C-alpha atoms as a PDB file:
ATOM      1  CA  UNK A   1     186.679 224.553  34.252  1.00  0.00           C
ATOM      2  CA  UNK A   2     186.812 222.132  37.213  1.00  0.00           C
ATOM      3  CA  UNK A   3     189.416 224.276  39.042  1.00  0.00           C
ATOM      4  CA  UNK A   4     187.145 227.307  38.660  1.00  0.00           C
ATOM      5  CA  UNK A   5     184.258 225.302  40.139  1.00  0.00           C
ATOM      6  CA  UNK A   6     186.490 224.313  43.116  1.00  0.00           C
ATOM      7  CA  UNK A   7     187.647 227.878  43.564  1.00  0.00           C
ATOM      8  CA  UNK A   8     184.055 229.185  43.686  1.00  0.00           C
ATOM      9  CA  UNK A   9     183.083 226.512  46.218  1.00  0.00           C
ATOM     10  CA  UNK A  10     186.246 227.220  48.331  1.00  0.00           C
ATOM     11  CA  UNK A  11     185.409 230.967  48.544  1.00  0.00           C
ATOM     12  CA  UNK A  12     182.631 230.122  51.023  1.00  0.00           C
ATOM     13  CA  UNK A  13     185.052 228.431  53.437  1.00  0.00           C
ATOM     14  CA  UNK A  14     187.989 230.396  54.775  1.00  0.00           C
ATOM     15  CA  UNK A  15     190.221 227.378  55.423  1.00  0.00           C
ATOM     16  CA  UNK A  16     189.837 226.137  51.826  1.00  0.00           C
ATOM     17  CA  UNK A  17     190.034 229.620  50.387  1.00  0.00           C
ATOM     18  CA  UNK A  18     193.481 230.028  52.001  1.00  0.00           C
ATOM     19  CA  UNK A  19     194.542 226.726  50.279  1.00  0.00           C
ATOM     20  CA  UNK A  20     193.103 227.469  46.885  1.00  0.00           C
ATOM     21  CA  UNK A  21     193.957 231.161  46.463  1.00  0.00           C
ATOM     22  CA  UNK A  22     197.704 230.610  45.920  1.00  0.00           C
ATOM     23  CA  UNK A  23     196.935 228.229  43.039  1.00  0.00           C
ATOM     24  CA  UNK A  24     195.401 231.096  41.187  1.00  0.00           C
ATOM     25  CA  UNK A  25     197.968 233.753  42.000  1.00  0.00           C
ATOM     26  CA  UNK A  26     200.511 235.165  39.592  1.00  0.00           C
ATOM     27  CA  UNK A  27     203.584 233.031  39.231  1.00  0.00           C
ATOM     28  CA  UNK A  28     201.668 229.801  39.979  1.00  0.00           C
ATOM     29  CA  UNK A  29     200.145 229.285  36.540  1.00  0.00           C
ATOM     30  CA  UNK A  30     201.682 225.790  36.356  1.00  0.00           C
ATOM     31  CA  UNK A  31     200.470 224.756  39.782  1.00  0.00           C
ATOM     32  CA  UNK A  32     198.036 221.910  40.056  1.00  0.00           C
ATOM     33  CA  UNK A  33     196.131 220.016  42.612  1.00  0.00           C
ATOM     34  CA  UNK A  34     195.562 216.326  43.378  1.00  0.00           C
ATOM     35  CA  UNK A  35     192.042 215.154  43.702  1.00  0.00           C
ATOM     36  CA  UNK A  36     191.376 212.143  45.917  1.00  0.00           C
ATOM     37  CA  UNK A  37     188.112 210.284  45.599  1.00  0.00           C
ATOM     38  CA  UNK A  38     187.296 208.628  48.937  1.00  0.00           C
ATOM     39  CA  UNK A  39     184.356 206.513  49.972  1.00  0.00           C
ATOM     40  CA  UNK A  40     183.092 205.682  53.402  1.00  0.00           C
ATOM     41  CA  UNK A  41     184.352 204.615  55.827  1.00  0.00           C
ATOM     42  CA  UNK A  42     187.769 205.910  54.584  1.00  0.00           C
ATOM     43  CA  UNK A  43     186.518 209.494  54.048  1.00  0.00           C
ATOM     44  CA  UNK A  44     185.501 209.788  57.690  1.00  0.00           C
ATOM     45  CA  UNK A  45     188.768 208.173  58.817  1.00  0.00           C
ATOM     46  CA  UNK A  46     190.762 210.843  56.914  1.00  0.00           C
ATOM     47  CA  UNK A  47     188.556 213.691  58.157  1.00  0.00           C
ATOM     48  CA  UNK A  48     188.832 212.610  61.854  1.00  0.00           C
ATOM     49  CA  UNK A  49     192.552 211.862  61.616  1.00  0.00           C
ATOM     50  CA  UNK A  50     192.280 208.106  62.139  1.00  0.00           C
ATOM     51  CA  UNK A  51     193.734 207.555  58.692  1.00  0.00           C
ATOM     52  CA  UNK A  52     196.443 209.899  57.487  1.00  0.00           C
ATOM     53  CA  UNK A  53     197.934 208.425  54.319  1.00  0.00           C
ATOM     54  CA  UNK A  54     196.602 206.353  51.474  1.00  0.00           C
ATOM     55  CA  UNK A  55     199.064 205.013  48.941  1.00  0.00           C
ATOM     56  CA  UNK A  56     198.690 202.504  46.091  1.00  0.00           C
ATOM     57  CA  UNK A  57     201.681 201.253  44.174  1.00  0.00           C
ATOM     58  CA  UNK A  58     201.718 199.092  41.030  1.00  0.00           C
ATOM     59  CA  UNK A  59     204.408 197.694  38.848  1.00  0.00           C
ATOM     60  CA  UNK A  60     202.108 198.215  35.856  1.00  0.00           C
ATOM     61  CA  UNK A  61     201.390 201.683  34.534  1.00  0.00           C
ATOM     62  CA  UNK A  62     197.594 202.039  34.490  1.00  0.00           C
ATOM     63  CA  UNK A  63     194.954 204.752  34.586  1.00  0.00           C
ATOM     64  CA  UNK A  64     194.983 207.441  35.815  1.00  0.00           C
ATOM     65  CA  UNK A  65     198.872 207.404  35.779  1.00  0.00           C
ATOM     66  CA  UNK A  66     200.468 206.391  32.471  1.00  0.00           C
END
């Protein structure tokens, strides 16, 4: 359901449509996407290229992974 919402939203933007369309094509039924939830000021840093990678590592398995 959420992927269909994203696909509908992406159809209005050619750059995102090009990214999303392959996820729904034949042969990619098992494809998935990673959703990042960002807050300011980090969202703007990613959008303007100031920040390129965000990684968090933990020795303890916790939500959302394991």
